[in-house]
N, C-alpha and C. Protein backbone atom coordinates (compact mmCIF):
# COMPACT_ATOMS: atom_id res chain seq x y z
N ASN A 1 94.10 -51.75 104.37
CA ASN A 1 92.87 -51.86 103.62
C ASN A 1 92.26 -50.48 103.40
N LEU A 2 92.25 -50.03 102.16
CA LEU A 2 91.63 -48.76 101.83
C LEU A 2 90.27 -49.01 101.19
N LEU A 3 89.30 -48.27 101.63
CA LEU A 3 87.99 -48.32 101.03
C LEU A 3 88.03 -47.51 99.74
N VAL A 4 87.68 -48.11 98.62
CA VAL A 4 87.71 -47.42 97.33
C VAL A 4 86.50 -46.51 97.19
N ALA A 5 85.32 -47.05 97.48
CA ALA A 5 84.09 -46.28 97.31
C ALA A 5 83.06 -46.72 98.34
N ASN A 6 82.11 -45.83 98.58
CA ASN A 6 81.02 -46.10 99.50
C ASN A 6 79.73 -45.66 98.81
N MET A 7 78.74 -46.55 98.73
CA MET A 7 77.48 -46.21 98.09
C MET A 7 76.31 -46.65 98.96
N ASP A 8 75.33 -45.77 99.05
CA ASP A 8 74.06 -46.08 99.71
C ASP A 8 73.02 -46.16 98.60
N LEU A 9 72.51 -47.34 98.33
CA LEU A 9 71.56 -47.55 97.25
C LEU A 9 70.22 -47.98 97.84
N ILE A 10 69.18 -47.22 97.53
CA ILE A 10 67.84 -47.51 98.05
C ILE A 10 67.00 -48.03 96.89
N LEU A 11 66.58 -49.28 96.98
CA LEU A 11 65.80 -49.89 95.90
C LEU A 11 64.32 -49.58 96.06
N ALA A 12 63.64 -49.44 94.91
CA ALA A 12 62.19 -49.20 94.87
C ALA A 12 61.79 -47.94 95.64
N TYR A 13 62.54 -46.86 95.41
CA TYR A 13 62.23 -45.58 96.05
C TYR A 13 62.40 -44.46 95.04
N PRO A 14 61.48 -43.55 94.91
CA PRO A 14 60.24 -43.41 95.69
C PRO A 14 59.10 -44.30 95.20
N ILE A 15 59.29 -44.93 94.03
CA ILE A 15 58.30 -45.91 93.55
C ILE A 15 59.04 -47.16 93.09
N GLU A 16 58.28 -48.20 92.82
CA GLU A 16 58.83 -49.53 92.57
C GLU A 16 59.93 -49.58 91.51
N GLU A 17 59.78 -48.86 90.38
CA GLU A 17 60.74 -49.01 89.29
C GLU A 17 61.91 -48.03 89.33
N ILE A 18 62.07 -47.32 90.44
CA ILE A 18 63.17 -46.36 90.58
C ILE A 18 64.09 -46.78 91.72
N ALA A 19 65.39 -46.70 91.47
CA ALA A 19 66.40 -46.89 92.52
C ALA A 19 66.98 -45.51 92.83
N PHE A 20 67.33 -45.28 94.07
CA PHE A 20 67.81 -43.97 94.50
C PHE A 20 69.20 -44.12 95.13
N ILE A 21 70.15 -43.39 94.59
CA ILE A 21 71.49 -43.36 95.18
C ILE A 21 71.48 -42.28 96.26
N GLY A 22 71.49 -42.72 97.50
CA GLY A 22 71.44 -41.78 98.62
C GLY A 22 72.80 -41.17 98.92
N PHE A 23 73.85 -41.90 98.55
CA PHE A 23 75.20 -41.46 98.88
C PHE A 23 76.18 -42.20 97.98
N PHE A 24 77.14 -41.48 97.43
CA PHE A 24 78.22 -42.11 96.68
C PHE A 24 79.48 -41.28 96.88
N MET A 25 80.52 -41.92 97.38
CA MET A 25 81.76 -41.20 97.64
C MET A 25 82.94 -42.08 97.28
N MET A 26 83.88 -41.48 96.57
CA MET A 26 85.11 -42.17 96.20
C MET A 26 86.24 -41.72 97.12
N ASN A 27 87.10 -42.66 97.51
CA ASN A 27 88.32 -42.31 98.22
C ASN A 27 89.13 -41.38 97.32
N VAL A 28 89.65 -40.32 97.88
CA VAL A 28 90.37 -39.30 97.09
C VAL A 28 91.53 -39.90 96.29
N GLN A 29 92.13 -40.97 96.78
CA GLN A 29 93.24 -41.61 96.08
C GLN A 29 92.80 -42.28 94.78
N TYR A 30 91.51 -42.54 94.64
CA TYR A 30 90.98 -43.24 93.47
C TYR A 30 90.17 -42.33 92.55
N GLN A 31 90.08 -41.05 92.89
CA GLN A 31 89.32 -40.12 92.07
C GLN A 31 90.07 -39.77 90.78
N ASN A 32 89.32 -39.38 89.77
CA ASN A 32 89.86 -38.95 88.47
C ASN A 32 90.61 -40.06 87.75
N LYS A 33 90.21 -41.29 87.96
CA LYS A 33 90.82 -42.44 87.28
C LYS A 33 89.76 -43.25 86.52
N GLY A 34 88.52 -42.80 86.53
CA GLY A 34 87.44 -43.51 85.85
C GLY A 34 86.80 -44.61 86.67
N ILE A 35 87.31 -44.86 87.86
CA ILE A 35 86.80 -45.95 88.69
C ILE A 35 85.36 -45.67 89.13
N GLY A 36 85.11 -44.45 89.57
CA GLY A 36 83.76 -44.09 90.01
C GLY A 36 82.75 -44.21 88.89
N SER A 37 83.11 -43.75 87.71
CA SER A 37 82.22 -43.88 86.55
C SER A 37 81.96 -45.34 86.22
N ASN A 38 82.99 -46.18 86.33
CA ASN A 38 82.81 -47.62 86.08
C ASN A 38 81.86 -48.24 87.10
N ILE A 39 81.99 -47.85 88.35
CA ILE A 39 81.11 -48.36 89.40
C ILE A 39 79.66 -47.97 89.10
N ILE A 40 79.45 -46.71 88.74
CA ILE A 40 78.10 -46.23 88.45
C ILE A 40 77.54 -46.93 87.21
N GLU A 41 78.34 -47.08 86.17
CA GLU A 41 77.89 -47.77 84.96
C GLU A 41 77.51 -49.22 85.26
N ASP A 42 78.36 -49.92 86.00
CA ASP A 42 78.06 -51.31 86.35
C ASP A 42 76.80 -51.42 87.21
N THR A 43 76.67 -50.51 88.17
CA THR A 43 75.49 -50.50 89.05
C THR A 43 74.22 -50.26 88.24
N CYS A 44 74.26 -49.28 87.34
CA CYS A 44 73.08 -48.96 86.53
C CYS A 44 72.74 -50.10 85.58
N ASN A 45 73.74 -50.72 84.99
CA ASN A 45 73.48 -51.88 84.12
C ASN A 45 72.82 -53.02 84.90
N TYR A 46 73.29 -53.26 86.11
CA TYR A 46 72.71 -54.31 86.94
C TYR A 46 71.27 -53.97 87.33
N LEU A 47 71.03 -52.71 87.70
CA LEU A 47 69.68 -52.29 88.06
C LEU A 47 68.73 -52.45 86.88
N LYS A 48 69.21 -52.14 85.68
CA LYS A 48 68.39 -52.32 84.48
C LYS A 48 68.04 -53.80 84.29
N GLN A 49 69.02 -54.68 84.50
CA GLN A 49 68.76 -56.13 84.40
C GLN A 49 67.71 -56.58 85.41
N LEU A 50 67.67 -55.93 86.56
CA LEU A 50 66.69 -56.26 87.60
C LEU A 50 65.32 -55.69 87.30
N GLY A 51 65.21 -54.86 86.26
CA GLY A 51 63.91 -54.32 85.88
C GLY A 51 63.67 -52.87 86.27
N TYR A 52 64.65 -52.23 86.87
CA TYR A 52 64.48 -50.81 87.22
C TYR A 52 64.50 -49.97 85.96
N LYS A 53 63.72 -48.89 85.95
CA LYS A 53 63.60 -48.01 84.78
C LYS A 53 64.43 -46.73 84.93
N LYS A 54 64.66 -46.30 86.17
CA LYS A 54 65.36 -45.04 86.41
C LYS A 54 66.22 -45.14 87.66
N VAL A 55 67.25 -44.30 87.70
CA VAL A 55 68.05 -44.11 88.91
C VAL A 55 68.01 -42.62 89.21
N ARG A 56 67.76 -42.28 90.45
CA ARG A 56 67.72 -40.88 90.87
C ARG A 56 68.70 -40.64 92.01
N LEU A 57 69.02 -39.37 92.18
CA LEU A 57 69.89 -38.95 93.29
C LEU A 57 69.75 -37.46 93.50
N GLY A 58 70.20 -37.01 94.65
CA GLY A 58 70.21 -35.58 94.96
C GLY A 58 71.64 -35.10 95.10
N VAL A 59 71.89 -33.89 94.59
CA VAL A 59 73.22 -33.29 94.67
C VAL A 59 73.10 -31.97 95.43
N ASP A 60 73.99 -31.76 96.36
CA ASP A 60 74.05 -30.49 97.09
C ASP A 60 74.43 -29.39 96.11
N LYS A 61 73.70 -28.29 96.14
CA LYS A 61 73.97 -27.17 95.22
C LYS A 61 75.37 -26.60 95.39
N GLU A 62 75.98 -26.84 96.53
CA GLU A 62 77.30 -26.30 96.80
C GLU A 62 78.41 -27.31 96.54
N ASN A 63 78.11 -28.30 95.71
CA ASN A 63 79.09 -29.32 95.39
C ASN A 63 79.23 -29.46 93.87
N PRO A 64 79.91 -28.50 93.23
CA PRO A 64 80.02 -28.53 91.76
C PRO A 64 80.79 -29.74 91.24
N GLN A 65 81.71 -30.28 92.01
CA GLN A 65 82.46 -31.47 91.57
C GLN A 65 81.52 -32.66 91.43
N SER A 66 80.66 -32.84 92.40
CA SER A 66 79.69 -33.94 92.35
C SER A 66 78.70 -33.74 91.20
N TYR A 67 78.21 -32.52 91.04
CA TYR A 67 77.27 -32.20 89.97
C TYR A 67 77.89 -32.53 88.61
N ALA A 68 79.13 -32.14 88.40
CA ALA A 68 79.83 -32.41 87.14
C ALA A 68 80.00 -33.91 86.92
N PHE A 69 80.32 -34.65 87.98
CA PHE A 69 80.47 -36.10 87.88
C PHE A 69 79.18 -36.75 87.37
N TRP A 70 78.05 -36.38 87.95
CA TRP A 70 76.79 -37.01 87.57
C TRP A 70 76.37 -36.61 86.16
N LEU A 71 76.60 -35.35 85.78
CA LEU A 71 76.32 -34.94 84.40
C LEU A 71 77.15 -35.76 83.42
N LYS A 72 78.43 -35.92 83.73
CA LYS A 72 79.34 -36.69 82.87
C LYS A 72 78.87 -38.13 82.73
N ASN A 73 78.18 -38.64 83.73
CA ASN A 73 77.71 -40.02 83.72
C ASN A 73 76.26 -40.15 83.23
N GLY A 74 75.76 -39.12 82.56
CA GLY A 74 74.48 -39.21 81.87
C GLY A 74 73.25 -38.81 82.65
N PHE A 75 73.41 -38.36 83.89
CA PHE A 75 72.26 -37.95 84.69
C PHE A 75 71.83 -36.54 84.27
N CYS A 76 70.51 -36.30 84.31
CA CYS A 76 69.94 -35.01 83.94
C CYS A 76 69.22 -34.42 85.15
N VAL A 77 69.19 -33.11 85.20
CA VAL A 77 68.47 -32.41 86.27
C VAL A 77 66.98 -32.52 86.01
N ILE A 78 66.23 -32.95 87.02
CA ILE A 78 64.77 -32.99 86.89
C ILE A 78 64.08 -31.97 87.79
N SER A 79 64.79 -31.47 88.81
CA SER A 79 64.25 -30.38 89.61
C SER A 79 65.36 -29.77 90.45
N LYS A 80 65.15 -28.51 90.80
CA LYS A 80 66.08 -27.81 91.69
C LYS A 80 65.27 -27.20 92.81
N ASP A 81 65.56 -27.64 94.01
CA ASP A 81 64.89 -27.09 95.18
C ASP A 81 65.98 -26.94 96.23
N LEU A 82 65.83 -27.57 97.36
CA LEU A 82 66.88 -27.54 98.38
C LEU A 82 68.12 -28.24 97.85
N TYR A 83 67.91 -29.34 97.12
CA TYR A 83 68.97 -30.08 96.44
C TYR A 83 68.64 -30.14 94.96
N ILE A 84 69.62 -30.49 94.16
CA ILE A 84 69.40 -30.72 92.73
C ILE A 84 69.04 -32.18 92.56
N LEU A 85 67.83 -32.46 92.11
CA LEU A 85 67.40 -33.83 91.88
C LEU A 85 67.77 -34.21 90.45
N MET A 86 68.50 -35.32 90.31
CA MET A 86 68.97 -35.78 89.01
C MET A 86 68.48 -37.20 88.76
N GLU A 87 68.40 -37.54 87.47
CA GLU A 87 67.85 -38.84 87.10
C GLU A 87 68.54 -39.37 85.86
N LEU A 88 68.69 -40.68 85.81
CA LEU A 88 69.17 -41.39 84.63
C LEU A 88 68.11 -42.39 84.23
N ILE A 89 67.65 -42.33 82.99
CA ILE A 89 66.70 -43.32 82.49
C ILE A 89 67.51 -44.50 81.99
N LEU A 90 67.19 -45.69 82.50
CA LEU A 90 67.95 -46.88 82.16
C LEU A 90 67.45 -47.51 80.86
């Protein structure tokens, strides 16, 4: 049994209409196949159906692969501090 992906999703954080992805990691065997993007797209579509307006997440500045993944999936930078805060409007 291989774990394909692991996601930590925090609902209604920091406010009611925002969901926050605290953690998302794909098993290396499943990377670069579009599976992660499909998971994020399906998750965001479901969150929109539930009434959420935005999805946010933080990216470590020293993780360019993760940053590129989120940009490719439509997330935009909203602030840069200790981490890069990114957001997708649903």
